[in-house]
Every structure is written in structure tokens, then in C-alpha cells.
Amino acid sequence: MSDDGDRARMVGINHVALSVGDAGEAREFYGSIFDFPVRGETDSAVFLDMGDQFLALSEDADAGERADRHRHFGLVVDDADLVERRLEAEGVERLDQDGLDFRDPWGNRIQVVQYDEVQFTKADHVLDGMDLDLDKTDAARDELAAKGMAPE
């Protein structure tokens, strides 16, 4: 990487877009596991709201044909135990590894992490707007503190 001038800093992810075979089926599948409002939808896409971020699920005829072992995204939830129970109730197979990873019906790999255990932090006003009262574990606070970002 060359250092030939100023560059914009990455500050977050607005949304993640995944390919699915059918937007309606995707809404139903994700709705069977997670609680979310729908931000919007079209004939070929559905947008699942996460406060100041969203998950875009768009139809693609090739969905599921390009899955690999490593490509994934980490989805932060308020209660990973609830997700684990919902996956079991819905018959969704977890991947055989540490953590709470699974694939949706189109091969998209989702790694579920619990809010209090990771550095990722929502602003208080966003949490309030989502009607969530969440805190961090000491380990997560220590990770944030090491970067000068500990919550007060």
C-alpha cells in the first residue's frame, strides 16, 4: 500500500447486502430466527432494519452457488442464547466450529455474536430508539479502553 496522500477513514458499516433466491422466503427465514422491523421491500429485495444499519437481502438467480468456508459477516444480537434456541427450533444446522455460525438457505454464512461481549457499540440514542438497554462485559470494556474508546 502506498502512502501517497490522505485517505478517508472507515467508520462503520451502513448495511450488508446478501444474495438470496427469493426475497419473500428470505424475509420468512430471517424472521423465524430474529426479531426486526422491515425497513422496506421491493419485488426482489427486503431490507431488515437494525436501528442505524440494515441487512439488504436481494434476489439473485445465482444465490447459493458461491458459498465458501471463510466469507461471512458477524451479526450482533442482544441475546445469542435466544438465537441458538431459534436455530434449533427451526432445524437450522449450526456449523461445526466454535461460536454460533450457521448458513441461511442460500449459503450465506452468518456468525452471531452477543452485543455485551464484543467491541461493537451502538450510540446510546440509537439503543434508546431501538428500545434496548444493553451493557458490555468487562472484557469488552477492556478491549475498548485499550483503544481509548471505553464507554463512560
N, C-alpha and C. Protein backbone atom coordinates (compact mmCIF):
# COMPACT_ATOMS: atom_id res chain seq x y z
N MET A 1 0.85 -1.17 0.00
CA MET A 1 0.00 0.00 0.00
C MET A 1 0.89 1.23 0.00
N SER A 2 0.61 2.13 -0.91
CA SER A 2 1.42 3.35 -0.96
C SER A 2 0.83 4.41 -0.06
N ASP A 3 1.68 5.28 0.44
CA ASP A 3 1.23 6.39 1.28
C ASP A 3 1.35 7.67 0.45
N ASP A 4 0.45 7.80 -0.51
CA ASP A 4 0.53 8.91 -1.46
C ASP A 4 -0.48 10.02 -1.17
N GLY A 5 -0.97 10.10 0.06
CA GLY A 5 -1.89 11.18 0.40
C GLY A 5 -2.95 10.77 1.38
N ASP A 6 -3.83 11.70 1.65
CA ASP A 6 -4.91 11.47 2.60
C ASP A 6 -5.90 10.44 2.07
N ARG A 7 -6.46 9.70 2.99
CA ARG A 7 -7.49 8.71 2.66
C ARG A 7 -8.61 8.86 3.67
N ALA A 8 -9.82 8.55 3.25
CA ALA A 8 -10.97 8.57 4.16
C ALA A 8 -10.85 7.42 5.13
N ARG A 9 -11.28 7.64 6.36
CA ARG A 9 -11.27 6.58 7.37
C ARG A 9 -12.58 5.82 7.32
N MET A 10 -12.50 4.51 7.46
CA MET A 10 -13.70 3.70 7.57
C MET A 10 -14.26 3.92 8.97
N VAL A 11 -15.55 4.22 9.08
CA VAL A 11 -16.14 4.49 10.38
C VAL A 11 -17.28 3.54 10.74
N GLY A 12 -17.66 2.67 9.85
CA GLY A 12 -18.72 1.73 10.17
C GLY A 12 -19.31 1.12 8.92
N ILE A 13 -20.29 0.30 9.11
CA ILE A 13 -20.99 -0.35 8.01
C ILE A 13 -22.44 0.11 8.04
N ASN A 14 -22.87 0.72 6.95
CA ASN A 14 -24.25 1.17 6.82
C ASN A 14 -25.17 -0.03 6.64
N HIS A 15 -24.77 -0.95 5.77
CA HIS A 15 -25.56 -2.15 5.55
C HIS A 15 -24.69 -3.26 4.98
N VAL A 16 -25.22 -4.46 5.06
CA VAL A 16 -24.62 -5.63 4.42
C VAL A 16 -25.66 -6.13 3.43
N ALA A 17 -25.23 -6.45 2.21
CA ALA A 17 -26.13 -6.96 1.18
C ALA A 17 -25.79 -8.42 0.91
N LEU A 18 -26.81 -9.26 0.94
CA LEU A 18 -26.65 -10.68 0.66
C LEU A 18 -27.54 -11.08 -0.50
N SER A 19 -27.07 -12.04 -1.28
CA SER A 19 -27.88 -12.61 -2.36
C SER A 19 -28.72 -13.74 -1.80
N VAL A 20 -29.98 -13.74 -2.19
CA VAL A 20 -30.90 -14.80 -1.79
C VAL A 20 -31.68 -15.24 -3.02
N GLY A 21 -32.23 -16.43 -2.97
CA GLY A 21 -33.01 -16.93 -4.11
C GLY A 21 -34.37 -16.29 -4.22
N ASP A 22 -34.99 -15.94 -3.09
CA ASP A 22 -36.33 -15.36 -3.08
C ASP A 22 -36.44 -14.43 -1.88
N ALA A 23 -36.76 -13.16 -2.12
CA ALA A 23 -36.81 -12.17 -1.04
C ALA A 23 -37.88 -12.50 -0.01
N GLY A 24 -39.04 -12.96 -0.45
CA GLY A 24 -40.10 -13.33 0.49
C GLY A 24 -39.71 -14.49 1.38
N GLU A 25 -39.08 -15.50 0.79
CA GLU A 25 -38.61 -16.64 1.58
C GLU A 25 -37.52 -16.20 2.55
N ALA A 26 -36.67 -15.28 2.10
CA ALA A 26 -35.60 -14.78 2.96
C ALA A 26 -36.19 -14.03 4.16
N ARG A 27 -37.19 -13.20 3.90
CA ARG A 27 -37.85 -12.47 5.00
C ARG A 27 -38.43 -13.47 5.99
N GLU A 28 -39.05 -14.51 5.50
CA GLU A 28 -39.64 -15.53 6.37
C GLU A 28 -38.56 -16.28 7.16
N PHE A 29 -37.48 -16.68 6.48
CA PHE A 29 -36.40 -17.40 7.15
C PHE A 29 -35.79 -16.54 8.26
N TYR A 30 -35.35 -15.33 7.92
CA TYR A 30 -34.72 -14.47 8.91
C TYR A 30 -35.71 -14.11 10.02
N GLY A 31 -36.98 -13.95 9.68
CA GLY A 31 -38.00 -13.66 10.68
C GLY A 31 -38.25 -14.82 11.62
N SER A 32 -37.93 -16.03 11.20
CA SER A 32 -38.10 -17.19 12.09
C SER A 32 -36.99 -17.26 13.13
N ILE A 33 -35.88 -16.55 12.90
CA ILE A 33 -34.74 -16.58 13.80
C ILE A 33 -34.62 -15.28 14.60
N PHE A 34 -34.81 -14.14 13.93
CA PHE A 34 -34.55 -12.83 14.53
C PHE A 34 -35.81 -11.97 14.57
N ASP A 35 -35.81 -11.02 15.49
CA ASP A 35 -36.86 -10.02 15.61
C ASP A 35 -36.35 -8.73 14.97
N PHE A 36 -37.05 -8.20 13.99
CA PHE A 36 -36.63 -6.98 13.30
C PHE A 36 -37.83 -6.32 12.63
N PRO A 37 -37.80 -5.00 12.51
CA PRO A 37 -38.77 -4.35 11.64
C PRO A 37 -38.25 -4.39 10.20
N VAL A 38 -39.13 -4.40 9.24
CA VAL A 38 -38.74 -4.32 7.84
C VAL A 38 -38.62 -2.84 7.47
N ARG A 39 -37.45 -2.44 7.01
CA ARG A 39 -37.20 -1.05 6.63
C ARG A 39 -37.87 -0.73 5.30
N GLY A 40 -37.94 -1.72 4.44
CA GLY A 40 -38.56 -1.54 3.13
C GLY A 40 -38.45 -2.81 2.33
N GLU A 41 -39.18 -2.86 1.23
CA GLU A 41 -39.07 -4.01 0.36
C GLU A 41 -39.52 -3.64 -1.05
N THR A 42 -39.02 -4.40 -2.00
CA THR A 42 -39.40 -4.27 -3.39
C THR A 42 -39.84 -5.65 -3.86
N ASP A 43 -40.10 -5.81 -5.14
CA ASP A 43 -40.46 -7.13 -5.66
C ASP A 43 -39.32 -8.14 -5.52
N SER A 44 -38.09 -7.63 -5.45
CA SER A 44 -36.96 -8.55 -5.46
C SER A 44 -35.98 -8.33 -4.30
N ALA A 45 -36.37 -7.57 -3.28
CA ALA A 45 -35.47 -7.33 -2.15
C ALA A 45 -36.27 -6.99 -0.90
N VAL A 46 -35.66 -7.27 0.24
CA VAL A 46 -36.24 -6.88 1.54
C VAL A 46 -35.09 -6.33 2.38
N PHE A 47 -35.39 -5.31 3.17
CA PHE A 47 -34.39 -4.61 3.95
C PHE A 47 -34.76 -4.72 5.43
N LEU A 48 -33.94 -5.44 6.19
CA LEU A 48 -34.21 -5.72 7.60
C LEU A 48 -33.50 -4.68 8.45
N ASP A 49 -34.27 -3.96 9.24
CA ASP A 49 -33.76 -2.82 9.99
C ASP A 49 -33.05 -3.25 11.27
N MET A 50 -31.91 -2.58 11.53
CA MET A 50 -31.14 -2.78 12.76
C MET A 50 -30.80 -1.41 13.33
N GLY A 51 -31.79 -0.55 13.48
CA GLY A 51 -31.57 0.78 14.02
C GLY A 51 -30.95 1.70 13.00
N ASP A 52 -29.65 1.95 13.13
CA ASP A 52 -28.95 2.83 12.19
C ASP A 52 -28.24 2.04 11.10
N GLN A 53 -28.53 0.76 10.97
CA GLN A 53 -27.94 -0.11 9.95
C GLN A 53 -29.05 -1.01 9.42
N PHE A 54 -28.76 -1.73 8.33
CA PHE A 54 -29.74 -2.68 7.84
C PHE A 54 -29.08 -3.81 7.08
N LEU A 55 -29.83 -4.88 6.92
CA LEU A 55 -29.42 -6.04 6.15
C LEU A 55 -30.27 -6.06 4.89
N ALA A 56 -29.63 -5.98 3.72
CA ALA A 56 -30.33 -5.98 2.44
C ALA A 56 -30.26 -7.39 1.85
N LEU A 57 -31.42 -7.97 1.61
CA LEU A 57 -31.49 -9.31 1.02
C LEU A 57 -32.09 -9.17 -0.36
N SER A 58 -31.27 -9.40 -1.39
CA SER A 58 -31.68 -9.17 -2.77
C SER A 58 -31.65 -10.46 -3.57
N GLU A 59 -32.68 -10.64 -4.39
CA GLU A 59 -32.77 -11.85 -5.22
C GLU A 59 -31.66 -11.88 -6.25
N ASP A 60 -31.11 -13.09 -6.43
CA ASP A 60 -30.04 -13.32 -7.39
C ASP A 60 -30.20 -14.77 -7.86
N ALA A 61 -30.31 -14.96 -9.15
CA ALA A 61 -30.51 -16.30 -9.69
C ALA A 61 -29.35 -17.24 -9.33
N ASP A 62 -28.17 -16.68 -9.05
CA ASP A 62 -27.00 -17.49 -8.71
C ASP A 62 -26.80 -17.64 -7.20
N ALA A 63 -27.74 -17.17 -6.39
CA ALA A 63 -27.58 -17.22 -4.94
C ALA A 63 -27.32 -18.66 -4.49
N GLY A 64 -26.35 -18.80 -3.62
CA GLY A 64 -26.03 -20.11 -3.06
C GLY A 64 -24.99 -20.89 -3.83
N GLU A 65 -24.60 -20.41 -5.01
CA GLU A 65 -23.63 -21.15 -5.81
C GLU A 65 -22.19 -20.77 -5.51
N ARG A 66 -21.98 -19.71 -4.70
CA ARG A 66 -20.63 -19.22 -4.47
C ARG A 66 -20.23 -19.26 -2.99
N ALA A 67 -20.86 -20.07 -2.20
CA ALA A 67 -20.52 -20.14 -0.78
C ALA A 67 -19.11 -20.69 -0.61
N ASP A 68 -18.42 -20.18 0.40
CA ASP A 68 -17.11 -20.73 0.72
C ASP A 68 -17.00 -20.88 2.23
N ARG A 69 -15.87 -21.39 2.70
CA ARG A 69 -15.71 -21.68 4.12
C ARG A 69 -15.46 -20.44 4.96
N HIS A 70 -14.95 -19.37 4.38
CA HIS A 70 -14.47 -18.25 5.17
C HIS A 70 -15.31 -16.98 5.07
N ARG A 71 -15.89 -16.70 3.91
CA ARG A 71 -16.63 -15.45 3.73
C ARG A 71 -17.89 -15.48 4.60
N HIS A 72 -18.06 -14.43 5.41
CA HIS A 72 -19.20 -14.36 6.31
C HIS A 72 -19.35 -12.93 6.81
N PHE A 73 -20.39 -12.69 7.58
CA PHE A 73 -20.47 -11.43 8.31
C PHE A 73 -20.90 -11.73 9.73
N GLY A 74 -20.49 -10.87 10.65
CA GLY A 74 -20.82 -11.03 12.06
C GLY A 74 -22.05 -10.20 12.38
N LEU A 75 -23.06 -10.84 12.87
CA LEU A 75 -24.31 -10.17 13.23
C LEU A 75 -24.39 -10.06 14.75
N VAL A 76 -24.51 -8.85 15.24
CA VAL A 76 -24.57 -8.60 16.68
C VAL A 76 -26.01 -8.67 17.14
N VAL A 77 -26.25 -9.42 18.21
CA VAL A 77 -27.60 -9.58 18.77
C VAL A 77 -27.58 -9.27 20.26
N ASP A 78 -28.76 -9.04 20.81
CA ASP A 78 -28.86 -8.78 22.24
C ASP A 78 -28.79 -10.05 23.05
N ASP A 79 -29.15 -11.20 22.48
CA ASP A 79 -29.21 -12.45 23.23
C ASP A 79 -28.88 -13.63 22.31
N ALA A 80 -27.65 -14.08 22.32
CA ALA A 80 -27.22 -15.18 21.46
C ALA A 80 -27.89 -16.49 21.86
N ASP A 81 -28.22 -16.68 23.13
CA ASP A 81 -28.90 -17.90 23.55
C ASP A 81 -30.26 -18.04 22.88
N LEU A 82 -30.97 -16.92 22.71
CA LEU A 82 -32.25 -16.96 22.00
C LEU A 82 -32.06 -17.39 20.55
N VAL A 83 -31.02 -16.89 19.92
CA VAL A 83 -30.73 -17.27 18.53
C VAL A 83 -30.45 -18.76 18.47
N GLU A 84 -29.63 -19.25 19.39
CA GLU A 84 -29.31 -20.67 19.40
C GLU A 84 -30.57 -21.53 19.53
N ARG A 85 -31.47 -21.13 20.41
CA ARG A 85 -32.72 -21.87 20.58
C ARG A 85 -33.60 -21.80 19.34
N ARG A 86 -33.65 -20.63 18.68
CA ARG A 86 -34.46 -20.49 17.47
C ARG A 86 -33.88 -21.33 16.33
N LEU A 87 -32.57 -21.35 16.20
CA LEU A 87 -31.95 -22.18 15.17
C LEU A 87 -32.33 -23.63 15.36
N GLU A 88 -32.26 -24.08 16.60
CA GLU A 88 -32.63 -25.47 16.90
C GLU A 88 -34.10 -25.72 16.60
N ALA A 89 -34.97 -24.81 17.02
CA ALA A 89 -36.42 -24.98 16.80
C ALA A 89 -36.76 -25.00 15.31
N GLU A 90 -36.02 -24.24 14.51
CA GLU A 90 -36.28 -24.16 13.07
C GLU A 90 -35.52 -25.23 12.28
N GLY A 91 -34.72 -26.03 12.97
CA GLY A 91 -33.96 -27.08 12.30
C GLY A 91 -32.81 -26.56 11.45
N VAL A 92 -32.29 -25.39 11.81
CA VAL A 92 -31.17 -24.82 11.08
C VAL A 92 -29.87 -25.37 11.68
N GLU A 93 -29.08 -25.99 10.85
CA GLU A 93 -27.84 -26.62 11.31
C GLU A 93 -26.76 -25.59 11.57
N ARG A 94 -26.16 -25.67 12.74
CA ARG A 94 -25.00 -24.82 13.06
C ARG A 94 -23.77 -25.41 12.41
N LEU A 95 -22.83 -24.55 12.08
CA LEU A 95 -21.57 -25.02 11.52
C LEU A 95 -20.74 -25.65 12.63
N ASP A 96 -19.99 -26.66 12.28
CA ASP A 96 -19.21 -27.42 13.25
C ASP A 96 -17.91 -26.69 13.56
N GLN A 97 -17.99 -25.74 14.48
CA GLN A 97 -16.84 -24.95 14.90
C GLN A 97 -17.21 -24.18 16.15
N ASP A 98 -16.23 -23.52 16.74
CA ASP A 98 -16.51 -22.67 17.90
C ASP A 98 -17.37 -21.51 17.45
N GLY A 99 -18.18 -21.01 18.34
CA GLY A 99 -19.01 -19.86 18.02
C GLY A 99 -20.40 -20.29 17.56
N LEU A 100 -21.17 -19.30 17.18
CA LEU A 100 -22.56 -19.52 16.76
C LEU A 100 -22.68 -19.11 15.30
N ASP A 101 -22.26 -20.00 14.41
CA ASP A 101 -22.28 -19.76 12.97
C ASP A 101 -23.28 -20.71 12.32
N PHE A 102 -23.96 -20.19 11.28
CA PHE A 102 -24.88 -21.01 10.50
C PHE A 102 -24.96 -20.42 9.10
N ARG A 103 -25.58 -21.17 8.21
CA ARG A 103 -25.82 -20.68 6.86
C ARG A 103 -27.32 -20.53 6.64
N ASP A 104 -27.67 -19.49 5.90
CA ASP A 104 -29.07 -19.36 5.51
C ASP A 104 -29.33 -20.32 4.34
N PRO A 105 -30.55 -20.45 3.86
CA PRO A 105 -30.83 -21.41 2.79
C PRO A 105 -30.07 -21.17 1.49
N TRP A 106 -29.46 -19.99 1.31
CA TRP A 106 -28.73 -19.67 0.09
C TRP A 106 -27.23 -19.73 0.29
N GLY A 107 -26.79 -20.26 1.43
CA GLY A 107 -25.37 -20.46 1.67
C GLY A 107 -24.65 -19.30 2.31
N ASN A 108 -25.35 -18.20 2.60
CA ASN A 108 -24.71 -17.07 3.28
C ASN A 108 -24.38 -17.48 4.71
N ARG A 109 -23.13 -17.29 5.08
CA ARG A 109 -22.69 -17.67 6.42
C ARG A 109 -22.85 -16.48 7.37
N ILE A 110 -23.52 -16.72 8.47
CA ILE A 110 -23.76 -15.70 9.48
C ILE A 110 -23.09 -16.14 10.77
N GLN A 111 -22.29 -15.26 11.33
CA GLN A 111 -21.64 -15.50 12.62
C GLN A 111 -22.33 -14.60 13.63
N VAL A 112 -22.99 -15.18 14.60
CA VAL A 112 -23.75 -14.41 15.59
C VAL A 112 -22.88 -14.17 16.81
N VAL A 113 -22.81 -12.90 17.23
CA VAL A 113 -22.08 -12.52 18.44
C VAL A 113 -23.01 -11.69 19.30
N GLN A 114 -22.81 -11.76 20.59
CA GLN A 114 -23.67 -11.04 21.53
C GLN A 114 -23.08 -9.67 21.83
N TYR A 115 -23.93 -8.66 21.84
CA TYR A 115 -23.54 -7.26 21.99
C TYR A 115 -22.60 -7.02 23.16
N ASP A 116 -22.92 -7.58 24.32
CA ASP A 116 -22.13 -7.27 25.51
C ASP A 116 -20.73 -7.86 25.47
N GLU A 117 -20.45 -8.78 24.54
CA GLU A 117 -19.18 -9.49 24.52
C GLU A 117 -18.19 -8.97 23.46
N VAL A 118 -18.59 -7.99 22.66
CA VAL A 118 -17.74 -7.52 21.57
C VAL A 118 -17.54 -6.01 21.64
N GLN A 119 -16.56 -5.51 20.90
CA GLN A 119 -16.25 -4.09 20.88
C GLN A 119 -17.35 -3.26 20.24
N PHE A 120 -18.03 -3.80 19.25
CA PHE A 120 -19.06 -3.06 18.52
C PHE A 120 -20.00 -2.37 19.51
N THR A 121 -20.23 -1.09 19.30
CA THR A 121 -21.05 -0.31 20.24
C THR A 121 -22.01 0.58 19.48
N LYS A 122 -23.27 0.54 19.87
CA LYS A 122 -24.28 1.47 19.33
C LYS A 122 -24.31 2.69 20.25
N ALA A 123 -24.52 3.85 19.66
CA ALA A 123 -24.69 5.07 20.45
C ALA A 123 -25.93 4.93 21.34
N ASP A 124 -25.87 5.54 22.50
CA ASP A 124 -26.98 5.44 23.45
C ASP A 124 -28.31 5.87 22.82
N HIS A 125 -28.30 6.93 22.03
CA HIS A 125 -29.56 7.40 21.44
C HIS A 125 -30.11 6.39 20.43
N VAL A 126 -29.24 5.62 19.78
CA VAL A 126 -29.70 4.58 18.85
C VAL A 126 -30.28 3.42 19.65
N LEU A 127 -29.58 3.00 20.71
CA LEU A 127 -30.12 1.94 21.56
C LEU A 127 -31.48 2.34 22.14
N ASP A 128 -31.59 3.58 22.58
CA ASP A 128 -32.88 4.06 23.11
C ASP A 128 -33.96 3.97 22.04
N GLY A 129 -33.63 4.39 20.83
CA GLY A 129 -34.59 4.34 19.73
C GLY A 129 -34.99 2.93 19.36
N MET A 130 -34.12 1.97 19.65
CA MET A 130 -34.40 0.55 19.40
C MET A 130 -35.04 -0.11 20.61
N ASP A 131 -35.25 0.66 21.66
CA ASP A 131 -35.82 0.16 22.92
C ASP A 131 -34.97 -0.96 23.51
N LEU A 132 -33.64 -0.73 23.52
CA LEU A 132 -32.70 -1.70 24.06
C LEU A 132 -31.88 -1.07 25.18
N ASP A 133 -31.67 -1.82 26.24
CA ASP A 133 -30.84 -1.39 27.36
C ASP A 133 -29.73 -2.43 27.49
N LEU A 134 -28.59 -2.19 26.83
CA LEU A 134 -27.51 -3.16 26.77
C LEU A 134 -26.25 -2.60 27.38
N ASP A 135 -25.43 -3.47 27.94
CA ASP A 135 -24.17 -3.08 28.55
C ASP A 135 -23.05 -3.92 27.93
N LYS A 136 -21.86 -3.80 28.43
CA LYS A 136 -20.69 -4.54 27.95
C LYS A 136 -20.09 -5.37 29.08
N THR A 137 -19.48 -6.51 28.75
CA THR A 137 -18.73 -7.28 29.73
C THR A 137 -17.45 -6.53 30.05
N ASP A 138 -16.80 -6.91 31.13
CA ASP A 138 -15.51 -6.29 31.48
C ASP A 138 -14.49 -6.50 30.38
N ALA A 139 -14.49 -7.69 29.77
CA ALA A 139 -13.53 -7.97 28.70
C ALA A 139 -13.76 -7.04 27.50
N ALA A 140 -15.00 -6.83 27.13
CA ALA A 140 -15.30 -5.93 26.01
C ALA A 140 -14.93 -4.49 26.36
N ARG A 141 -15.20 -4.09 27.61
CA ARG A 141 -14.81 -2.75 28.06
C ARG A 141 -13.29 -2.58 28.02
N ASP A 142 -12.54 -3.63 28.42
CA ASP A 142 -11.08 -3.57 28.39
C ASP A 142 -10.57 -3.41 26.96
N GLU A 143 -11.18 -4.14 26.01
CA GLU A 143 -10.78 -4.00 24.61
C GLU A 143 -11.01 -2.58 24.12
N LEU A 144 -12.15 -2.03 24.46
CA LEU A 144 -12.46 -0.64 24.07
C LEU A 144 -11.51 0.34 24.76
N ALA A 145 -11.23 0.12 26.03
CA ALA A 145 -10.33 1.01 26.78
C ALA A 145 -8.94 1.03 26.18
N ALA A 146 -8.48 -0.13 25.70
CA ALA A 146 -7.16 -0.21 25.09
C ALA A 146 -7.06 0.66 23.84
N LYS A 147 -8.19 0.97 23.25
CA LYS A 147 -8.23 1.86 22.08
C LYS A 147 -8.66 3.28 22.44
N GLY A 148 -8.84 3.53 23.73
CA GLY A 148 -9.29 4.86 24.16
C GLY A 148 -10.76 5.10 23.87
N MET A 149 -11.57 4.02 23.83
CA MET A 149 -12.98 4.13 23.47
C MET A 149 -13.91 3.55 24.53
N ALA A 150 -13.48 3.46 25.76
CA ALA A 150 -14.31 2.84 26.80
C ALA A 150 -15.56 3.65 27.03
N PRO A 151 -16.71 2.98 27.16
CA PRO A 151 -17.93 3.72 27.48
C PRO A 151 -17.85 4.28 28.90
N GLU A 152 -18.52 5.38 29.12
CA GLU A 152 -18.49 6.01 30.45
C GLU A 152 -19.49 5.36 31.37
